[in-house]
PDB file of N, CA and C in Angstrom:
ATOM      1  N   MET A   1     154.148  49.048  71.871  1.00  0.00           N
ATOM      2  CA  MET A   1     154.284  50.483  72.066  1.00  0.00           C
ATOM      3  C   MET A   1     153.112  51.036  72.881  1.00  0.00           C
ATOM      4  N   HIS A   2     151.894  50.571  72.570  1.00  0.00           N
ATOM      5  CA  HIS A   2     150.733  51.082  73.284  1.00  0.00           C
ATOM      6  C   HIS A   2     150.775  50.714  74.765  1.00  0.00           C
ATOM      7  N   ASP A   3     151.382  49.560  75.088  1.00  0.00           N
ATOM      8  CA  ASP A   3     151.487  49.189  76.490  1.00  0.00           C
ATOM      9  C   ASP A   3     152.412  50.135  77.247  1.00  0.00           C
ATOM     10  N   THR A   4     153.327  50.791  76.554  1.00  0.00           N
ATOM     11  CA  THR A   4     154.171  51.811  77.184  1.00  0.00           C
ATOM     12  C   THR A   4     153.291  52.954  77.675  1.00  0.00           C
ATOM     13  N   PHE A   5     152.353  53.383  76.833  1.00  0.00           N
ATOM     14  CA  PHE A   5     151.426  54.440  77.233  1.00  0.00           C
ATOM     15  C   PHE A   5     150.518  53.970  78.359  1.00  0.00           C
ATOM     16  N   LEU A   6     150.106  52.713  78.306  1.00  0.00           N
ATOM     17  CA  LEU A   6     149.254  52.169  79.358  1.00  0.00           C
ATOM     18  C   LEU A   6     150.006  52.121  80.688  1.00  0.00           C
ATOM     19  N   ASN A   7     151.282  51.705  80.649  1.00  0.00           N
ATOM     20  CA  ASN A   7     152.099  51.722  81.868  1.00  0.00           C
ATOM     21  C   ASN A   7     152.234  53.143  82.414  1.00  0.00           C
ATOM     22  N   GLN A   8     152.426  54.120  81.537  1.00  0.00           N
ATOM     23  CA  GLN A   8     152.549  55.515  81.969  1.00  0.00           C
ATOM     24  C   GLN A   8     151.237  55.999  82.579  1.00  0.00           C
ATOM     25  N   ASN A   9     150.120  55.666  81.944  1.00  0.00           N
ATOM     26  CA  ASN A   9     148.820  56.067  82.487  1.00  0.00           C
ATOM     27  C   ASN A   9     148.547  55.398  83.830  1.00  0.00           C
ATOM     28  N   LEU A  10     148.899  54.120  83.945  1.00  0.00           N
ATOM     29  CA  LEU A  10     148.766  53.433  85.241  1.00  0.00           C
ATOM     30  C   LEU A  10     149.610  54.129  86.297  1.00  0.00           C
ATOM     31  N   TYR A  11     150.845  54.442  85.943  1.00  0.00           N
ATOM     32  CA  TYR A  11     151.748  55.125  86.869  1.00  0.00           C
ATOM     33  C   TYR A  11     151.110  56.422  87.379  1.00  0.00           C
ATOM     34  N   GLU A  12     150.678  57.265  86.448  1.00  0.00           N
ATOM     35  CA  GLU A  12     150.112  58.563  86.829  1.00  0.00           C
ATOM     36  C   GLU A  12     148.865  58.407  87.691  1.00  0.00           C
ATOM     37  N   THR A  13     148.021  57.452  87.352  1.00  0.00           N
ATOM     38  CA  THR A  13     146.784  57.246  88.105  1.00  0.00           C
ATOM     39  C   THR A  13     147.063  56.698  89.498  1.00  0.00           C
ATOM     40  N   ILE A  14     147.972  55.739  89.603  1.00  0.00           N
ATOM     41  CA  ILE A  14     148.318  55.186  90.919  1.00  0.00           C
ATOM     42  C   ILE A  14     148.929  56.258  91.802  1.00  0.00           C
ATOM     43  N   VAL A  15     149.820  57.067  91.246  1.00  0.00           N
ATOM     44  CA  VAL A  15     150.429  58.155  92.020  1.00  0.00           C
ATOM     45  C   VAL A  15     149.347  59.114  92.517  1.00  0.00           C
ATOM     46  N   THR A  16     148.407  59.471  91.658  1.00  0.00           N
ATOM     47  CA  THR A  16     147.334  60.396  92.040  1.00  0.00           C
ATOM     48  C   THR A  16     146.462  59.795  93.139  1.00  0.00           C
ATOM     49  N   ILE A  17     146.049  58.550  92.962  1.00  0.00           N
ATOM     50  CA  ILE A  17     145.207  57.895  93.969  1.00  0.00           C
ATOM     51  C   ILE A  17     145.934  57.836  95.311  1.00  0.00           C
ATOM     52  N   CYS A  18     147.200  57.481  95.280  1.00  0.00           N
ATOM     53  CA  CYS A  18     147.964  57.380  96.530  1.00  0.00           C
ATOM     54  C   CYS A  18     148.137  58.747  97.183  1.00  0.00           C
ATOM     55  N   ARG A  19     148.384  59.784  96.387  1.00  0.00           N
ATOM     56  CA  ARG A  19     148.524  61.132  96.938  1.00  0.00           C
ATOM     57  C   ARG A  19     147.211  61.571  97.592  1.00  0.00           C
ATOM     58  N   GLU A  20     146.101  61.331  96.905  1.00  0.00           N
ATOM     59  CA  GLU A  20     144.787  61.741  97.419  1.00  0.00           C
ATOM     60  C   GLU A  20     144.393  60.990  98.695  1.00  0.00           C
ATOM     61  N   ASN A  21     144.944  59.790  98.875  1.00  0.00           N
ATOM     62  CA  ASN A  21     144.593  58.971 100.033  1.00  0.00           C
ATOM     63  C   ASN A  21     145.736  58.823 101.029  1.00  0.00           C
ATOM     64  N   SER A  22     146.754  59.660 100.890  1.00  0.00           N
ATOM     65  CA  SER A  22     147.917  59.689 101.797  1.00  0.00           C
ATOM     66  C   SER A  22     148.580  58.318 101.935  1.00  0.00           C
ATOM     67  N   ILE A  23     148.686  57.583 100.829  1.00  0.00           N
ATOM     68  CA  ILE A  23     149.376  56.291 100.824  1.00  0.00           C
ATOM     69  C   ILE A  23     150.813  56.536 100.382  1.00  0.00           C
ATOM     70  N   PHE A  24     151.766  56.069 101.195  1.00  0.00           N
ATOM     71  CA  PHE A  24     153.173  56.302 100.913  1.00  0.00           C
ATOM     72  C   PHE A  24     153.909  55.047 100.465  1.00  0.00           C
ATOM     73  N   LYS A  25     153.258  53.894 100.597  1.00  0.00           N
ATOM     74  CA  LYS A  25     153.871  52.620 100.228  1.00  0.00           C
ATOM     75  C   LYS A  25     152.759  51.652  99.840  1.00  0.00           C
ATOM     76  N   VAL A  26     152.742  51.215  98.574  1.00  0.00           N
ATOM     77  CA  VAL A  26     151.707  50.296  98.105  1.00  0.00           C
ATOM     78  C   VAL A  26     152.125  48.875  98.443  1.00  0.00           C
ATOM     79  N   LYS A  27     151.289  48.199  99.220  1.00  0.00           N
ATOM     80  CA  LYS A  27     151.573  46.819  99.617  1.00  0.00           C
ATOM     81  C   LYS A  27     150.937  45.816  98.658  1.00  0.00           C
ATOM     82  N   ASN A  28     149.708  46.101  98.200  1.00  0.00           N
ATOM     83  CA  ASN A  28     148.978  45.215  97.287  1.00  0.00           C
ATOM     84  C   ASN A  28     148.333  46.043  96.189  1.00  0.00           C
ATOM     85  N   LEU A  29     148.437  45.538  94.963  1.00  0.00           N
ATOM     86  CA  LEU A  29     147.840  46.201  93.816  1.00  0.00           C
ATOM     87  C   LEU A  29     147.219  45.132  92.924  1.00  0.00           C
ATOM     88  N   VAL A  30     145.963  45.340  92.532  1.00  0.00           N
ATOM     89  CA  VAL A  30     145.285  44.425  91.615  1.00  0.00           C
ATOM     90  C   VAL A  30     144.823  45.249  90.418  1.00  0.00           C
ATOM     91  N   VAL A  31     145.241  44.812  89.220  1.00  0.00           N
ATOM     92  CA  VAL A  31     144.925  45.517  87.986  1.00  0.00           C
ATOM     93  C   VAL A  31     144.392  44.509  86.968  1.00  0.00           C
ATOM     94  N   THR A  32     143.334  44.886  86.268  1.00  0.00           N
ATOM     95  CA  THR A  32     142.806  44.065  85.177  1.00  0.00           C
ATOM     96  C   THR A  32     143.142  44.725  83.853  1.00  0.00           C
ATOM     97  N   VAL A  33     143.667  43.932  82.913  1.00  0.00           N
ATOM     98  CA  VAL A  33     144.001  44.415  81.574  1.00  0.00           C
ATOM     99  C   VAL A  33     143.444  43.431  80.544  1.00  0.00           C
ATOM    100  N   HIS A  34     143.480  43.812  79.290  1.00  0.00           N
ATOM    101  CA  HIS A  34     143.028  42.946  78.203  1.00  0.00           C
ATOM    102  C   HIS A  34     143.939  41.720  78.129  1.00  0.00           C
ATOM    103  N   ALA A  35     143.412  40.618  77.671  1.00  0.00           N
ATOM    104  CA  ALA A  35     144.152  39.354  77.602  1.00  0.00           C
ATOM    105  C   ALA A  35     145.422  39.450  76.756  1.00  0.00           C
ATOM    106  N   ASP A  36     145.448  40.348  75.767  1.00  0.00           N
ATOM    107  CA  ASP A  36     146.624  40.488  74.904  1.00  0.00           C
ATOM    108  C   ASP A  36     147.626  41.525  75.400  1.00  0.00           C
ATOM    109  N   SER A  37     147.348  42.166  76.509  1.00  0.00           N
ATOM    110  CA  SER A  37     148.228  43.219  77.018  1.00  0.00           C
ATOM    111  C   SER A  37     149.564  42.655  77.487  1.00  0.00           C
ATOM    112  N   HIS A  38     150.611  43.453  77.288  1.00  0.00           N
ATOM    113  CA  HIS A  38     151.940  43.082  77.771  1.00  0.00           C
ATOM    114  C   HIS A  38     152.242  43.699  79.138  1.00  0.00           C
ATOM    115  N   VAL A  39     151.270  44.408  79.707  1.00  0.00           N
ATOM    116  CA  VAL A  39     151.456  44.966  81.048  1.00  0.00           C
ATOM    117  C   VAL A  39     151.510  43.805  82.031  1.00  0.00           C
ATOM    118  N   ASN A  40     152.534  43.830  82.893  1.00  0.00           N
ATOM    119  CA  ASN A  40     152.684  42.793  83.913  1.00  0.00           C
ATOM    120  C   ASN A  40     153.313  43.405  85.153  1.00  0.00           C
ATOM    121  N   LYS A  41     153.492  42.589  86.188  1.00  0.00           N
ATOM    122  CA  LYS A  41     154.007  43.158  87.441  1.00  0.00           C
ATOM    123  C   LYS A  41     155.417  43.706  87.273  1.00  0.00           C
ATOM    124  N   ASP A  42     156.227  43.067  86.448  1.00  0.00           N
ATOM    125  CA  ASP A  42     157.585  43.573  86.233  1.00  0.00           C
ATOM    126  C   ASP A  42     157.592  44.906  85.492  1.00  0.00           C
ATOM    127  N   SER A  43     156.681  45.064  84.525  1.00  0.00           N
ATOM    128  CA  SER A  43     156.645  46.332  83.790  1.00  0.00           C
ATOM    129  C   SER A  43     156.160  47.473  84.690  1.00  0.00           C
ATOM    130  N   ILE A  44     155.235  47.174  85.586  1.00  0.00           N
ATOM    131  CA  ILE A  44     154.754  48.209  86.512  1.00  0.00           C
ATOM    132  C   ILE A  44     155.858  48.573  87.504  1.00  0.00           C
ATOM    133  N   LYS A  45     156.473  47.572  88.119  1.00  0.00           N
ATOM    134  CA  LYS A  45     157.570  47.846  89.060  1.00  0.00           C
ATOM    135  C   LYS A  45     158.709  48.573  88.365  1.00  0.00           C
ATOM    136  N   GLY A  46     159.019  48.151  87.140  1.00  0.00           N
ATOM    137  CA  GLY A  46     160.097  48.793  86.385  1.00  0.00           C
ATOM    138  C   GLY A  46     159.803  50.246  86.079  1.00  0.00           C
ATOM    139  N   HIS A  47     158.561  50.554  85.759  1.00  0.00           N
ATOM    140  CA  HIS A  47     158.197  51.936  85.455  1.00  0.00           C
ATOM    141  C   HIS A  47     158.348  52.821  86.696  1.00  0.00           C
ATOM    142  N   PHE A  48     157.933  52.322  87.840  1.00  0.00           N
ATOM    143  CA  PHE A  48     158.103  53.094  89.077  1.00  0.00           C
ATOM    144  C   PHE A  48     159.583  53.286  89.396  1.00  0.00           C
ATOM    145  N   ALA A  49     160.387  52.253  89.157  1.00  0.00           N
ATOM    146  CA  ALA A  49     161.832  52.357  89.396  1.00  0.00           C
ATOM    147  C   ALA A  49     162.460  53.385  88.452  1.00  0.00           C
ATOM    148  N   GLU A  50     162.067  53.358  87.179  1.00  0.00           N
ATOM    149  CA  GLU A  50     162.588  54.325  86.204  1.00  0.00           C
ATOM    150  C   GLU A  50     162.243  55.755  86.589  1.00  0.00           C
ATOM    151  N   GLU A  51     161.071  55.939  87.149  1.00  0.00           N
ATOM    152  CA  GLU A  51     160.627  57.271  87.576  1.00  0.00           C
ATOM    153  C   GLU A  51     161.227  57.676  88.925  1.00  0.00           C
ATOM    154  N   GLY A  52     161.905  56.731  89.586  1.00  0.00           N
ATOM    155  CA  GLY A  52     162.480  57.021  90.900  1.00  0.00           C
ATOM    156  C   GLY A  52     161.433  57.188  91.980  1.00  0.00           C
ATOM    157  N   ASN A  53     160.295  56.536  91.797  1.00  0.00           N
ATOM    158  CA  ASN A  53     159.190  56.661  92.742  1.00  0.00           C
ATOM    159  C   ASN A  53     159.148  55.434  93.655  1.00  0.00           C
ATOM    160  N   PRO A  54     159.281  55.635  94.966  1.00  0.00           N
ATOM    161  CA  PRO A  54     159.333  54.514  95.913  1.00  0.00           C
ATOM    162  C   PRO A  54     157.977  53.949  96.338  1.00  0.00           C
ATOM    163  N   LEU A  55     156.879  54.395  95.724  1.00  0.00           N
ATOM    164  CA  LEU A  55     155.547  53.885  96.091  1.00  0.00           C
ATOM    165  C   LEU A  55     155.434  52.380  95.883  1.00  0.00           C
ATOM    166  N   ILE A  56     156.001  51.884  94.790  1.00  0.00           N
ATOM    167  CA  ILE A  56     155.933  50.470  94.443  1.00  0.00           C
ATOM    168  C   ILE A  56     157.347  49.931  94.317  1.00  0.00           C
ATOM    169  N   GLY A  57     157.565  48.750  94.915  1.00  0.00           N
ATOM    170  CA  GLY A  57     158.887  48.137  94.861  1.00  0.00           C
ATOM    171  C   GLY A  57     158.788  46.646  95.124  1.00  0.00           C
ATOM    172  N   ASP A  58     159.887  46.047  95.567  1.00  0.00           N
ATOM    173  CA  ASP A  58     159.906  44.609  95.843  1.00  0.00           C
ATOM    174  C   ASP A  58     158.935  44.224  96.959  1.00  0.00           C
ATOM    175  N   PHE A  59     158.547  45.173  97.772  1.00  0.00           N
ATOM    176  CA  PHE A  59     157.613  44.940  98.879  1.00  0.00           C
ATOM    177  C   PHE A  59     156.158  44.911  98.407  1.00  0.00           C
ATOM    178  N   THR A  60     155.907  45.206  97.133  1.00  0.00           N
ATOM    179  CA  THR A  60     154.555  45.295  96.596  1.00  0.00           C
ATOM    180  C   THR A  60     154.149  43.985  95.935  1.00  0.00           C
ATOM    181  N   ASP A  61     152.995  43.470  96.339  1.00  0.00           N
ATOM    182  CA  ASP A  61     152.415  42.289  95.700  1.00  0.00           C
ATOM    183  C   ASP A  61     151.466  42.793  94.620  1.00  0.00           C
ATOM    184  N   ILE A  62     151.783  42.464  93.364  1.00  0.00           N
ATOM    185  CA  ILE A  62     150.979  42.931  92.236  1.00  0.00           C
ATOM    186  C   ILE A  62     150.316  41.730  91.574  1.00  0.00           C
ATOM    187  N   GLU A  63     148.990  41.814  91.420  1.00  0.00           N
ATOM    188  CA  GLU A  63     148.240  40.788  90.709  1.00  0.00           C
ATOM    189  C   GLU A  63     147.684  41.408  89.429  1.00  0.00           C
ATOM    190  N   ILE A  64     148.000  40.801  88.307  1.00  0.00           N
ATOM    191  CA  ILE A  64     147.489  41.255  87.020  1.00  0.00           C
ATOM    192  C   ILE A  64     146.461  40.239  86.543  1.00  0.00           C
ATOM    193  N   LYS A  65     145.241  40.701  86.362  1.00  0.00           N
ATOM    194  CA  LYS A  65     144.177  39.844  85.828  1.00  0.00           C
ATOM    195  C   LYS A  65     144.032  40.181  84.350  1.00  0.00           C
ATOM    196  N   LYS A  66     144.172  39.174  83.514  1.00  0.00           N
ATOM    197  CA  LYS A  66     144.045  39.392  82.074  1.00  0.00           C
ATOM    198  C   LYS A  66     142.723  38.815  81.610  1.00  0.00           C
ATOM    199  N   CYS A  67     141.788  39.704  81.334  1.00  0.00           N
ATOM    200  CA  CYS A  67     140.474  39.230  80.891  1.00  0.00           C
ATOM    201  C   CYS A  67     139.664  40.355  80.299  1.00  0.00           C
ATOM    202  N   GLY A  68     138.671  40.814  81.027  1.00  0.00           N
ATOM    203  CA  GLY A  68     137.592  41.618  80.494  1.00  0.00           C
ATOM    204  C   GLY A  68     137.836  43.070  80.160  1.00  0.00           C
ATOM    205  N   ALA A  69     138.973  43.614  80.401  1.00  0.00           N
ATOM    206  CA  ALA A  69     139.178  45.029  80.098  1.00  0.00           C
ATOM    207  C   ALA A  69     139.265  45.237  78.587  1.00  0.00           C
ATOM    208  N   GLU A  70     138.892  46.425  78.155  1.00  0.00           N
ATOM    209  CA  GLU A  70     139.038  46.766  76.740  1.00  0.00           C
ATOM    210  C   GLU A  70     140.522  46.865  76.398  1.00  0.00           C
ATOM    211  N   ARG A  71     140.830  46.714  75.110  1.00  0.00           N
ATOM    212  CA  ARG A  71     142.217  46.875  74.667  1.00  0.00           C
ATOM    213  C   ARG A  71     142.703  48.267  75.055  1.00  0.00           C
ATOM    214  N   LEU A  72     143.956  48.331  75.470  1.00  0.00           N
ATOM    215  CA  LEU A  72     144.623  49.582  75.821  1.00  0.00           C
ATOM    216  C   LEU A  72     144.004  50.278  77.027  1.00  0.00           C
ATOM    217  N   CYS A  73     143.252  49.521  77.823  1.00  0.00           N
ATOM    218  CA  CYS A  73     142.669  50.048  79.055  1.00  0.00           C
ATOM    219  C   CYS A  73     143.088  49.162  80.218  1.00  0.00           C
ATOM    220  N   ALA A  74     143.109  49.753  81.378  1.00  0.00           N
ATOM    221  CA  ALA A  74     143.400  49.005  82.593  1.00  0.00           C
ATOM    222  C   ALA A  74     142.404  49.433  83.657  1.00  0.00           C
ATOM    223  N   ILE A  75     142.038  48.490  84.497  1.00  0.00           N
ATOM    224  CA  ILE A  75     141.134  48.767  85.608  1.00  0.00           C
ATOM    225  C   ILE A  75     141.907  48.509  86.900  1.00  0.00           C
ATOM    226  N   ILE A  76     142.076  49.549  87.696  1.00  0.00           N
ATOM    227  CA  ILE A  76     142.715  49.395  88.991  1.00  0.00           C
ATOM    228  C   ILE A  76     141.632  48.917  89.944  1.00  0.00           C
ATOM    229  N   GLU A  77     141.724  47.670  90.334  1.00  0.00           N
ATOM    230  CA  GLU A  77     140.690  47.058  91.158  1.00  0.00           C
ATOM    231  C   GLU A  77     140.922  47.295  92.656  1.00  0.00           C
ATOM    232  N   GLN A  78     142.201  47.336  93.040  1.00  0.00           N
ATOM    233  CA  GLN A  78     142.505  47.442  94.473  1.00  0.00           C
ATOM    234  C   GLN A  78     143.892  48.026  94.659  1.00  0.00           C
ATOM    235  N   ILE A  79     143.988  48.928  95.622  1.00  0.00           N
ATOM    236  CA  ILE A  79     145.275  49.441  96.095  1.00  0.00           C
ATOM    237  C   ILE A  79     145.220  49.412  97.606  1.00  0.00           C
ATOM    238  N   ASP A  80     146.112  48.660  98.219  1.00  0.00           N
ATOM    239  CA  ASP A  80     146.260  48.646  99.673  1.00  0.00           C
ATOM    240  C   ASP A  80     147.657  49.168  99.975  1.00  0.00           C
ATOM    241  N   GLY A  81     147.742  50.048 100.967  1.00  0.00           N
ATOM    242  CA  GLY A  81     149.056  50.594 101.279  1.00  0.00           C
ATOM    243  C   GLY A  81     149.152  51.103 102.684  1.00  0.00           C
ATOM    244  N   GLU A  82     150.324  51.639 102.957  1.00  0.00           N
ATOM    245  CA  GLU A  82     150.604  52.212 104.276  1.00  0.00           C
ATOM    246  C   GLU A  82     150.505  53.718 104.204  1.00  0.00           C
ATOM    247  N   LYS A  83     149.902  54.276 105.240  1.00  0.00           N
ATOM    248  CA  LYS A  83     149.791  55.738 105.328  1.00  0.00           C
ATOM    249  C   LYS A  83     150.895  56.291 106.169  1.00  0.00           C
TER     250      LYS A  83
END
């Protein structure tokens, strides 16, 4: 259940970062989460699809690093996209 909130928070933060930097299509995304997190590339892509947001899709390469982040936290390490 908590990963649902984490996916929502990731969604909102990625949308904000992309809006602030005029990114309209995310090509590469690197996120670090806790080793026990259920957040993965499919859950992120699925959340964007559910929201009807075209920023992230099949064209997006998502790398999830599971290690040093605190539980229920995510670190957005990199966003590369098209302006």
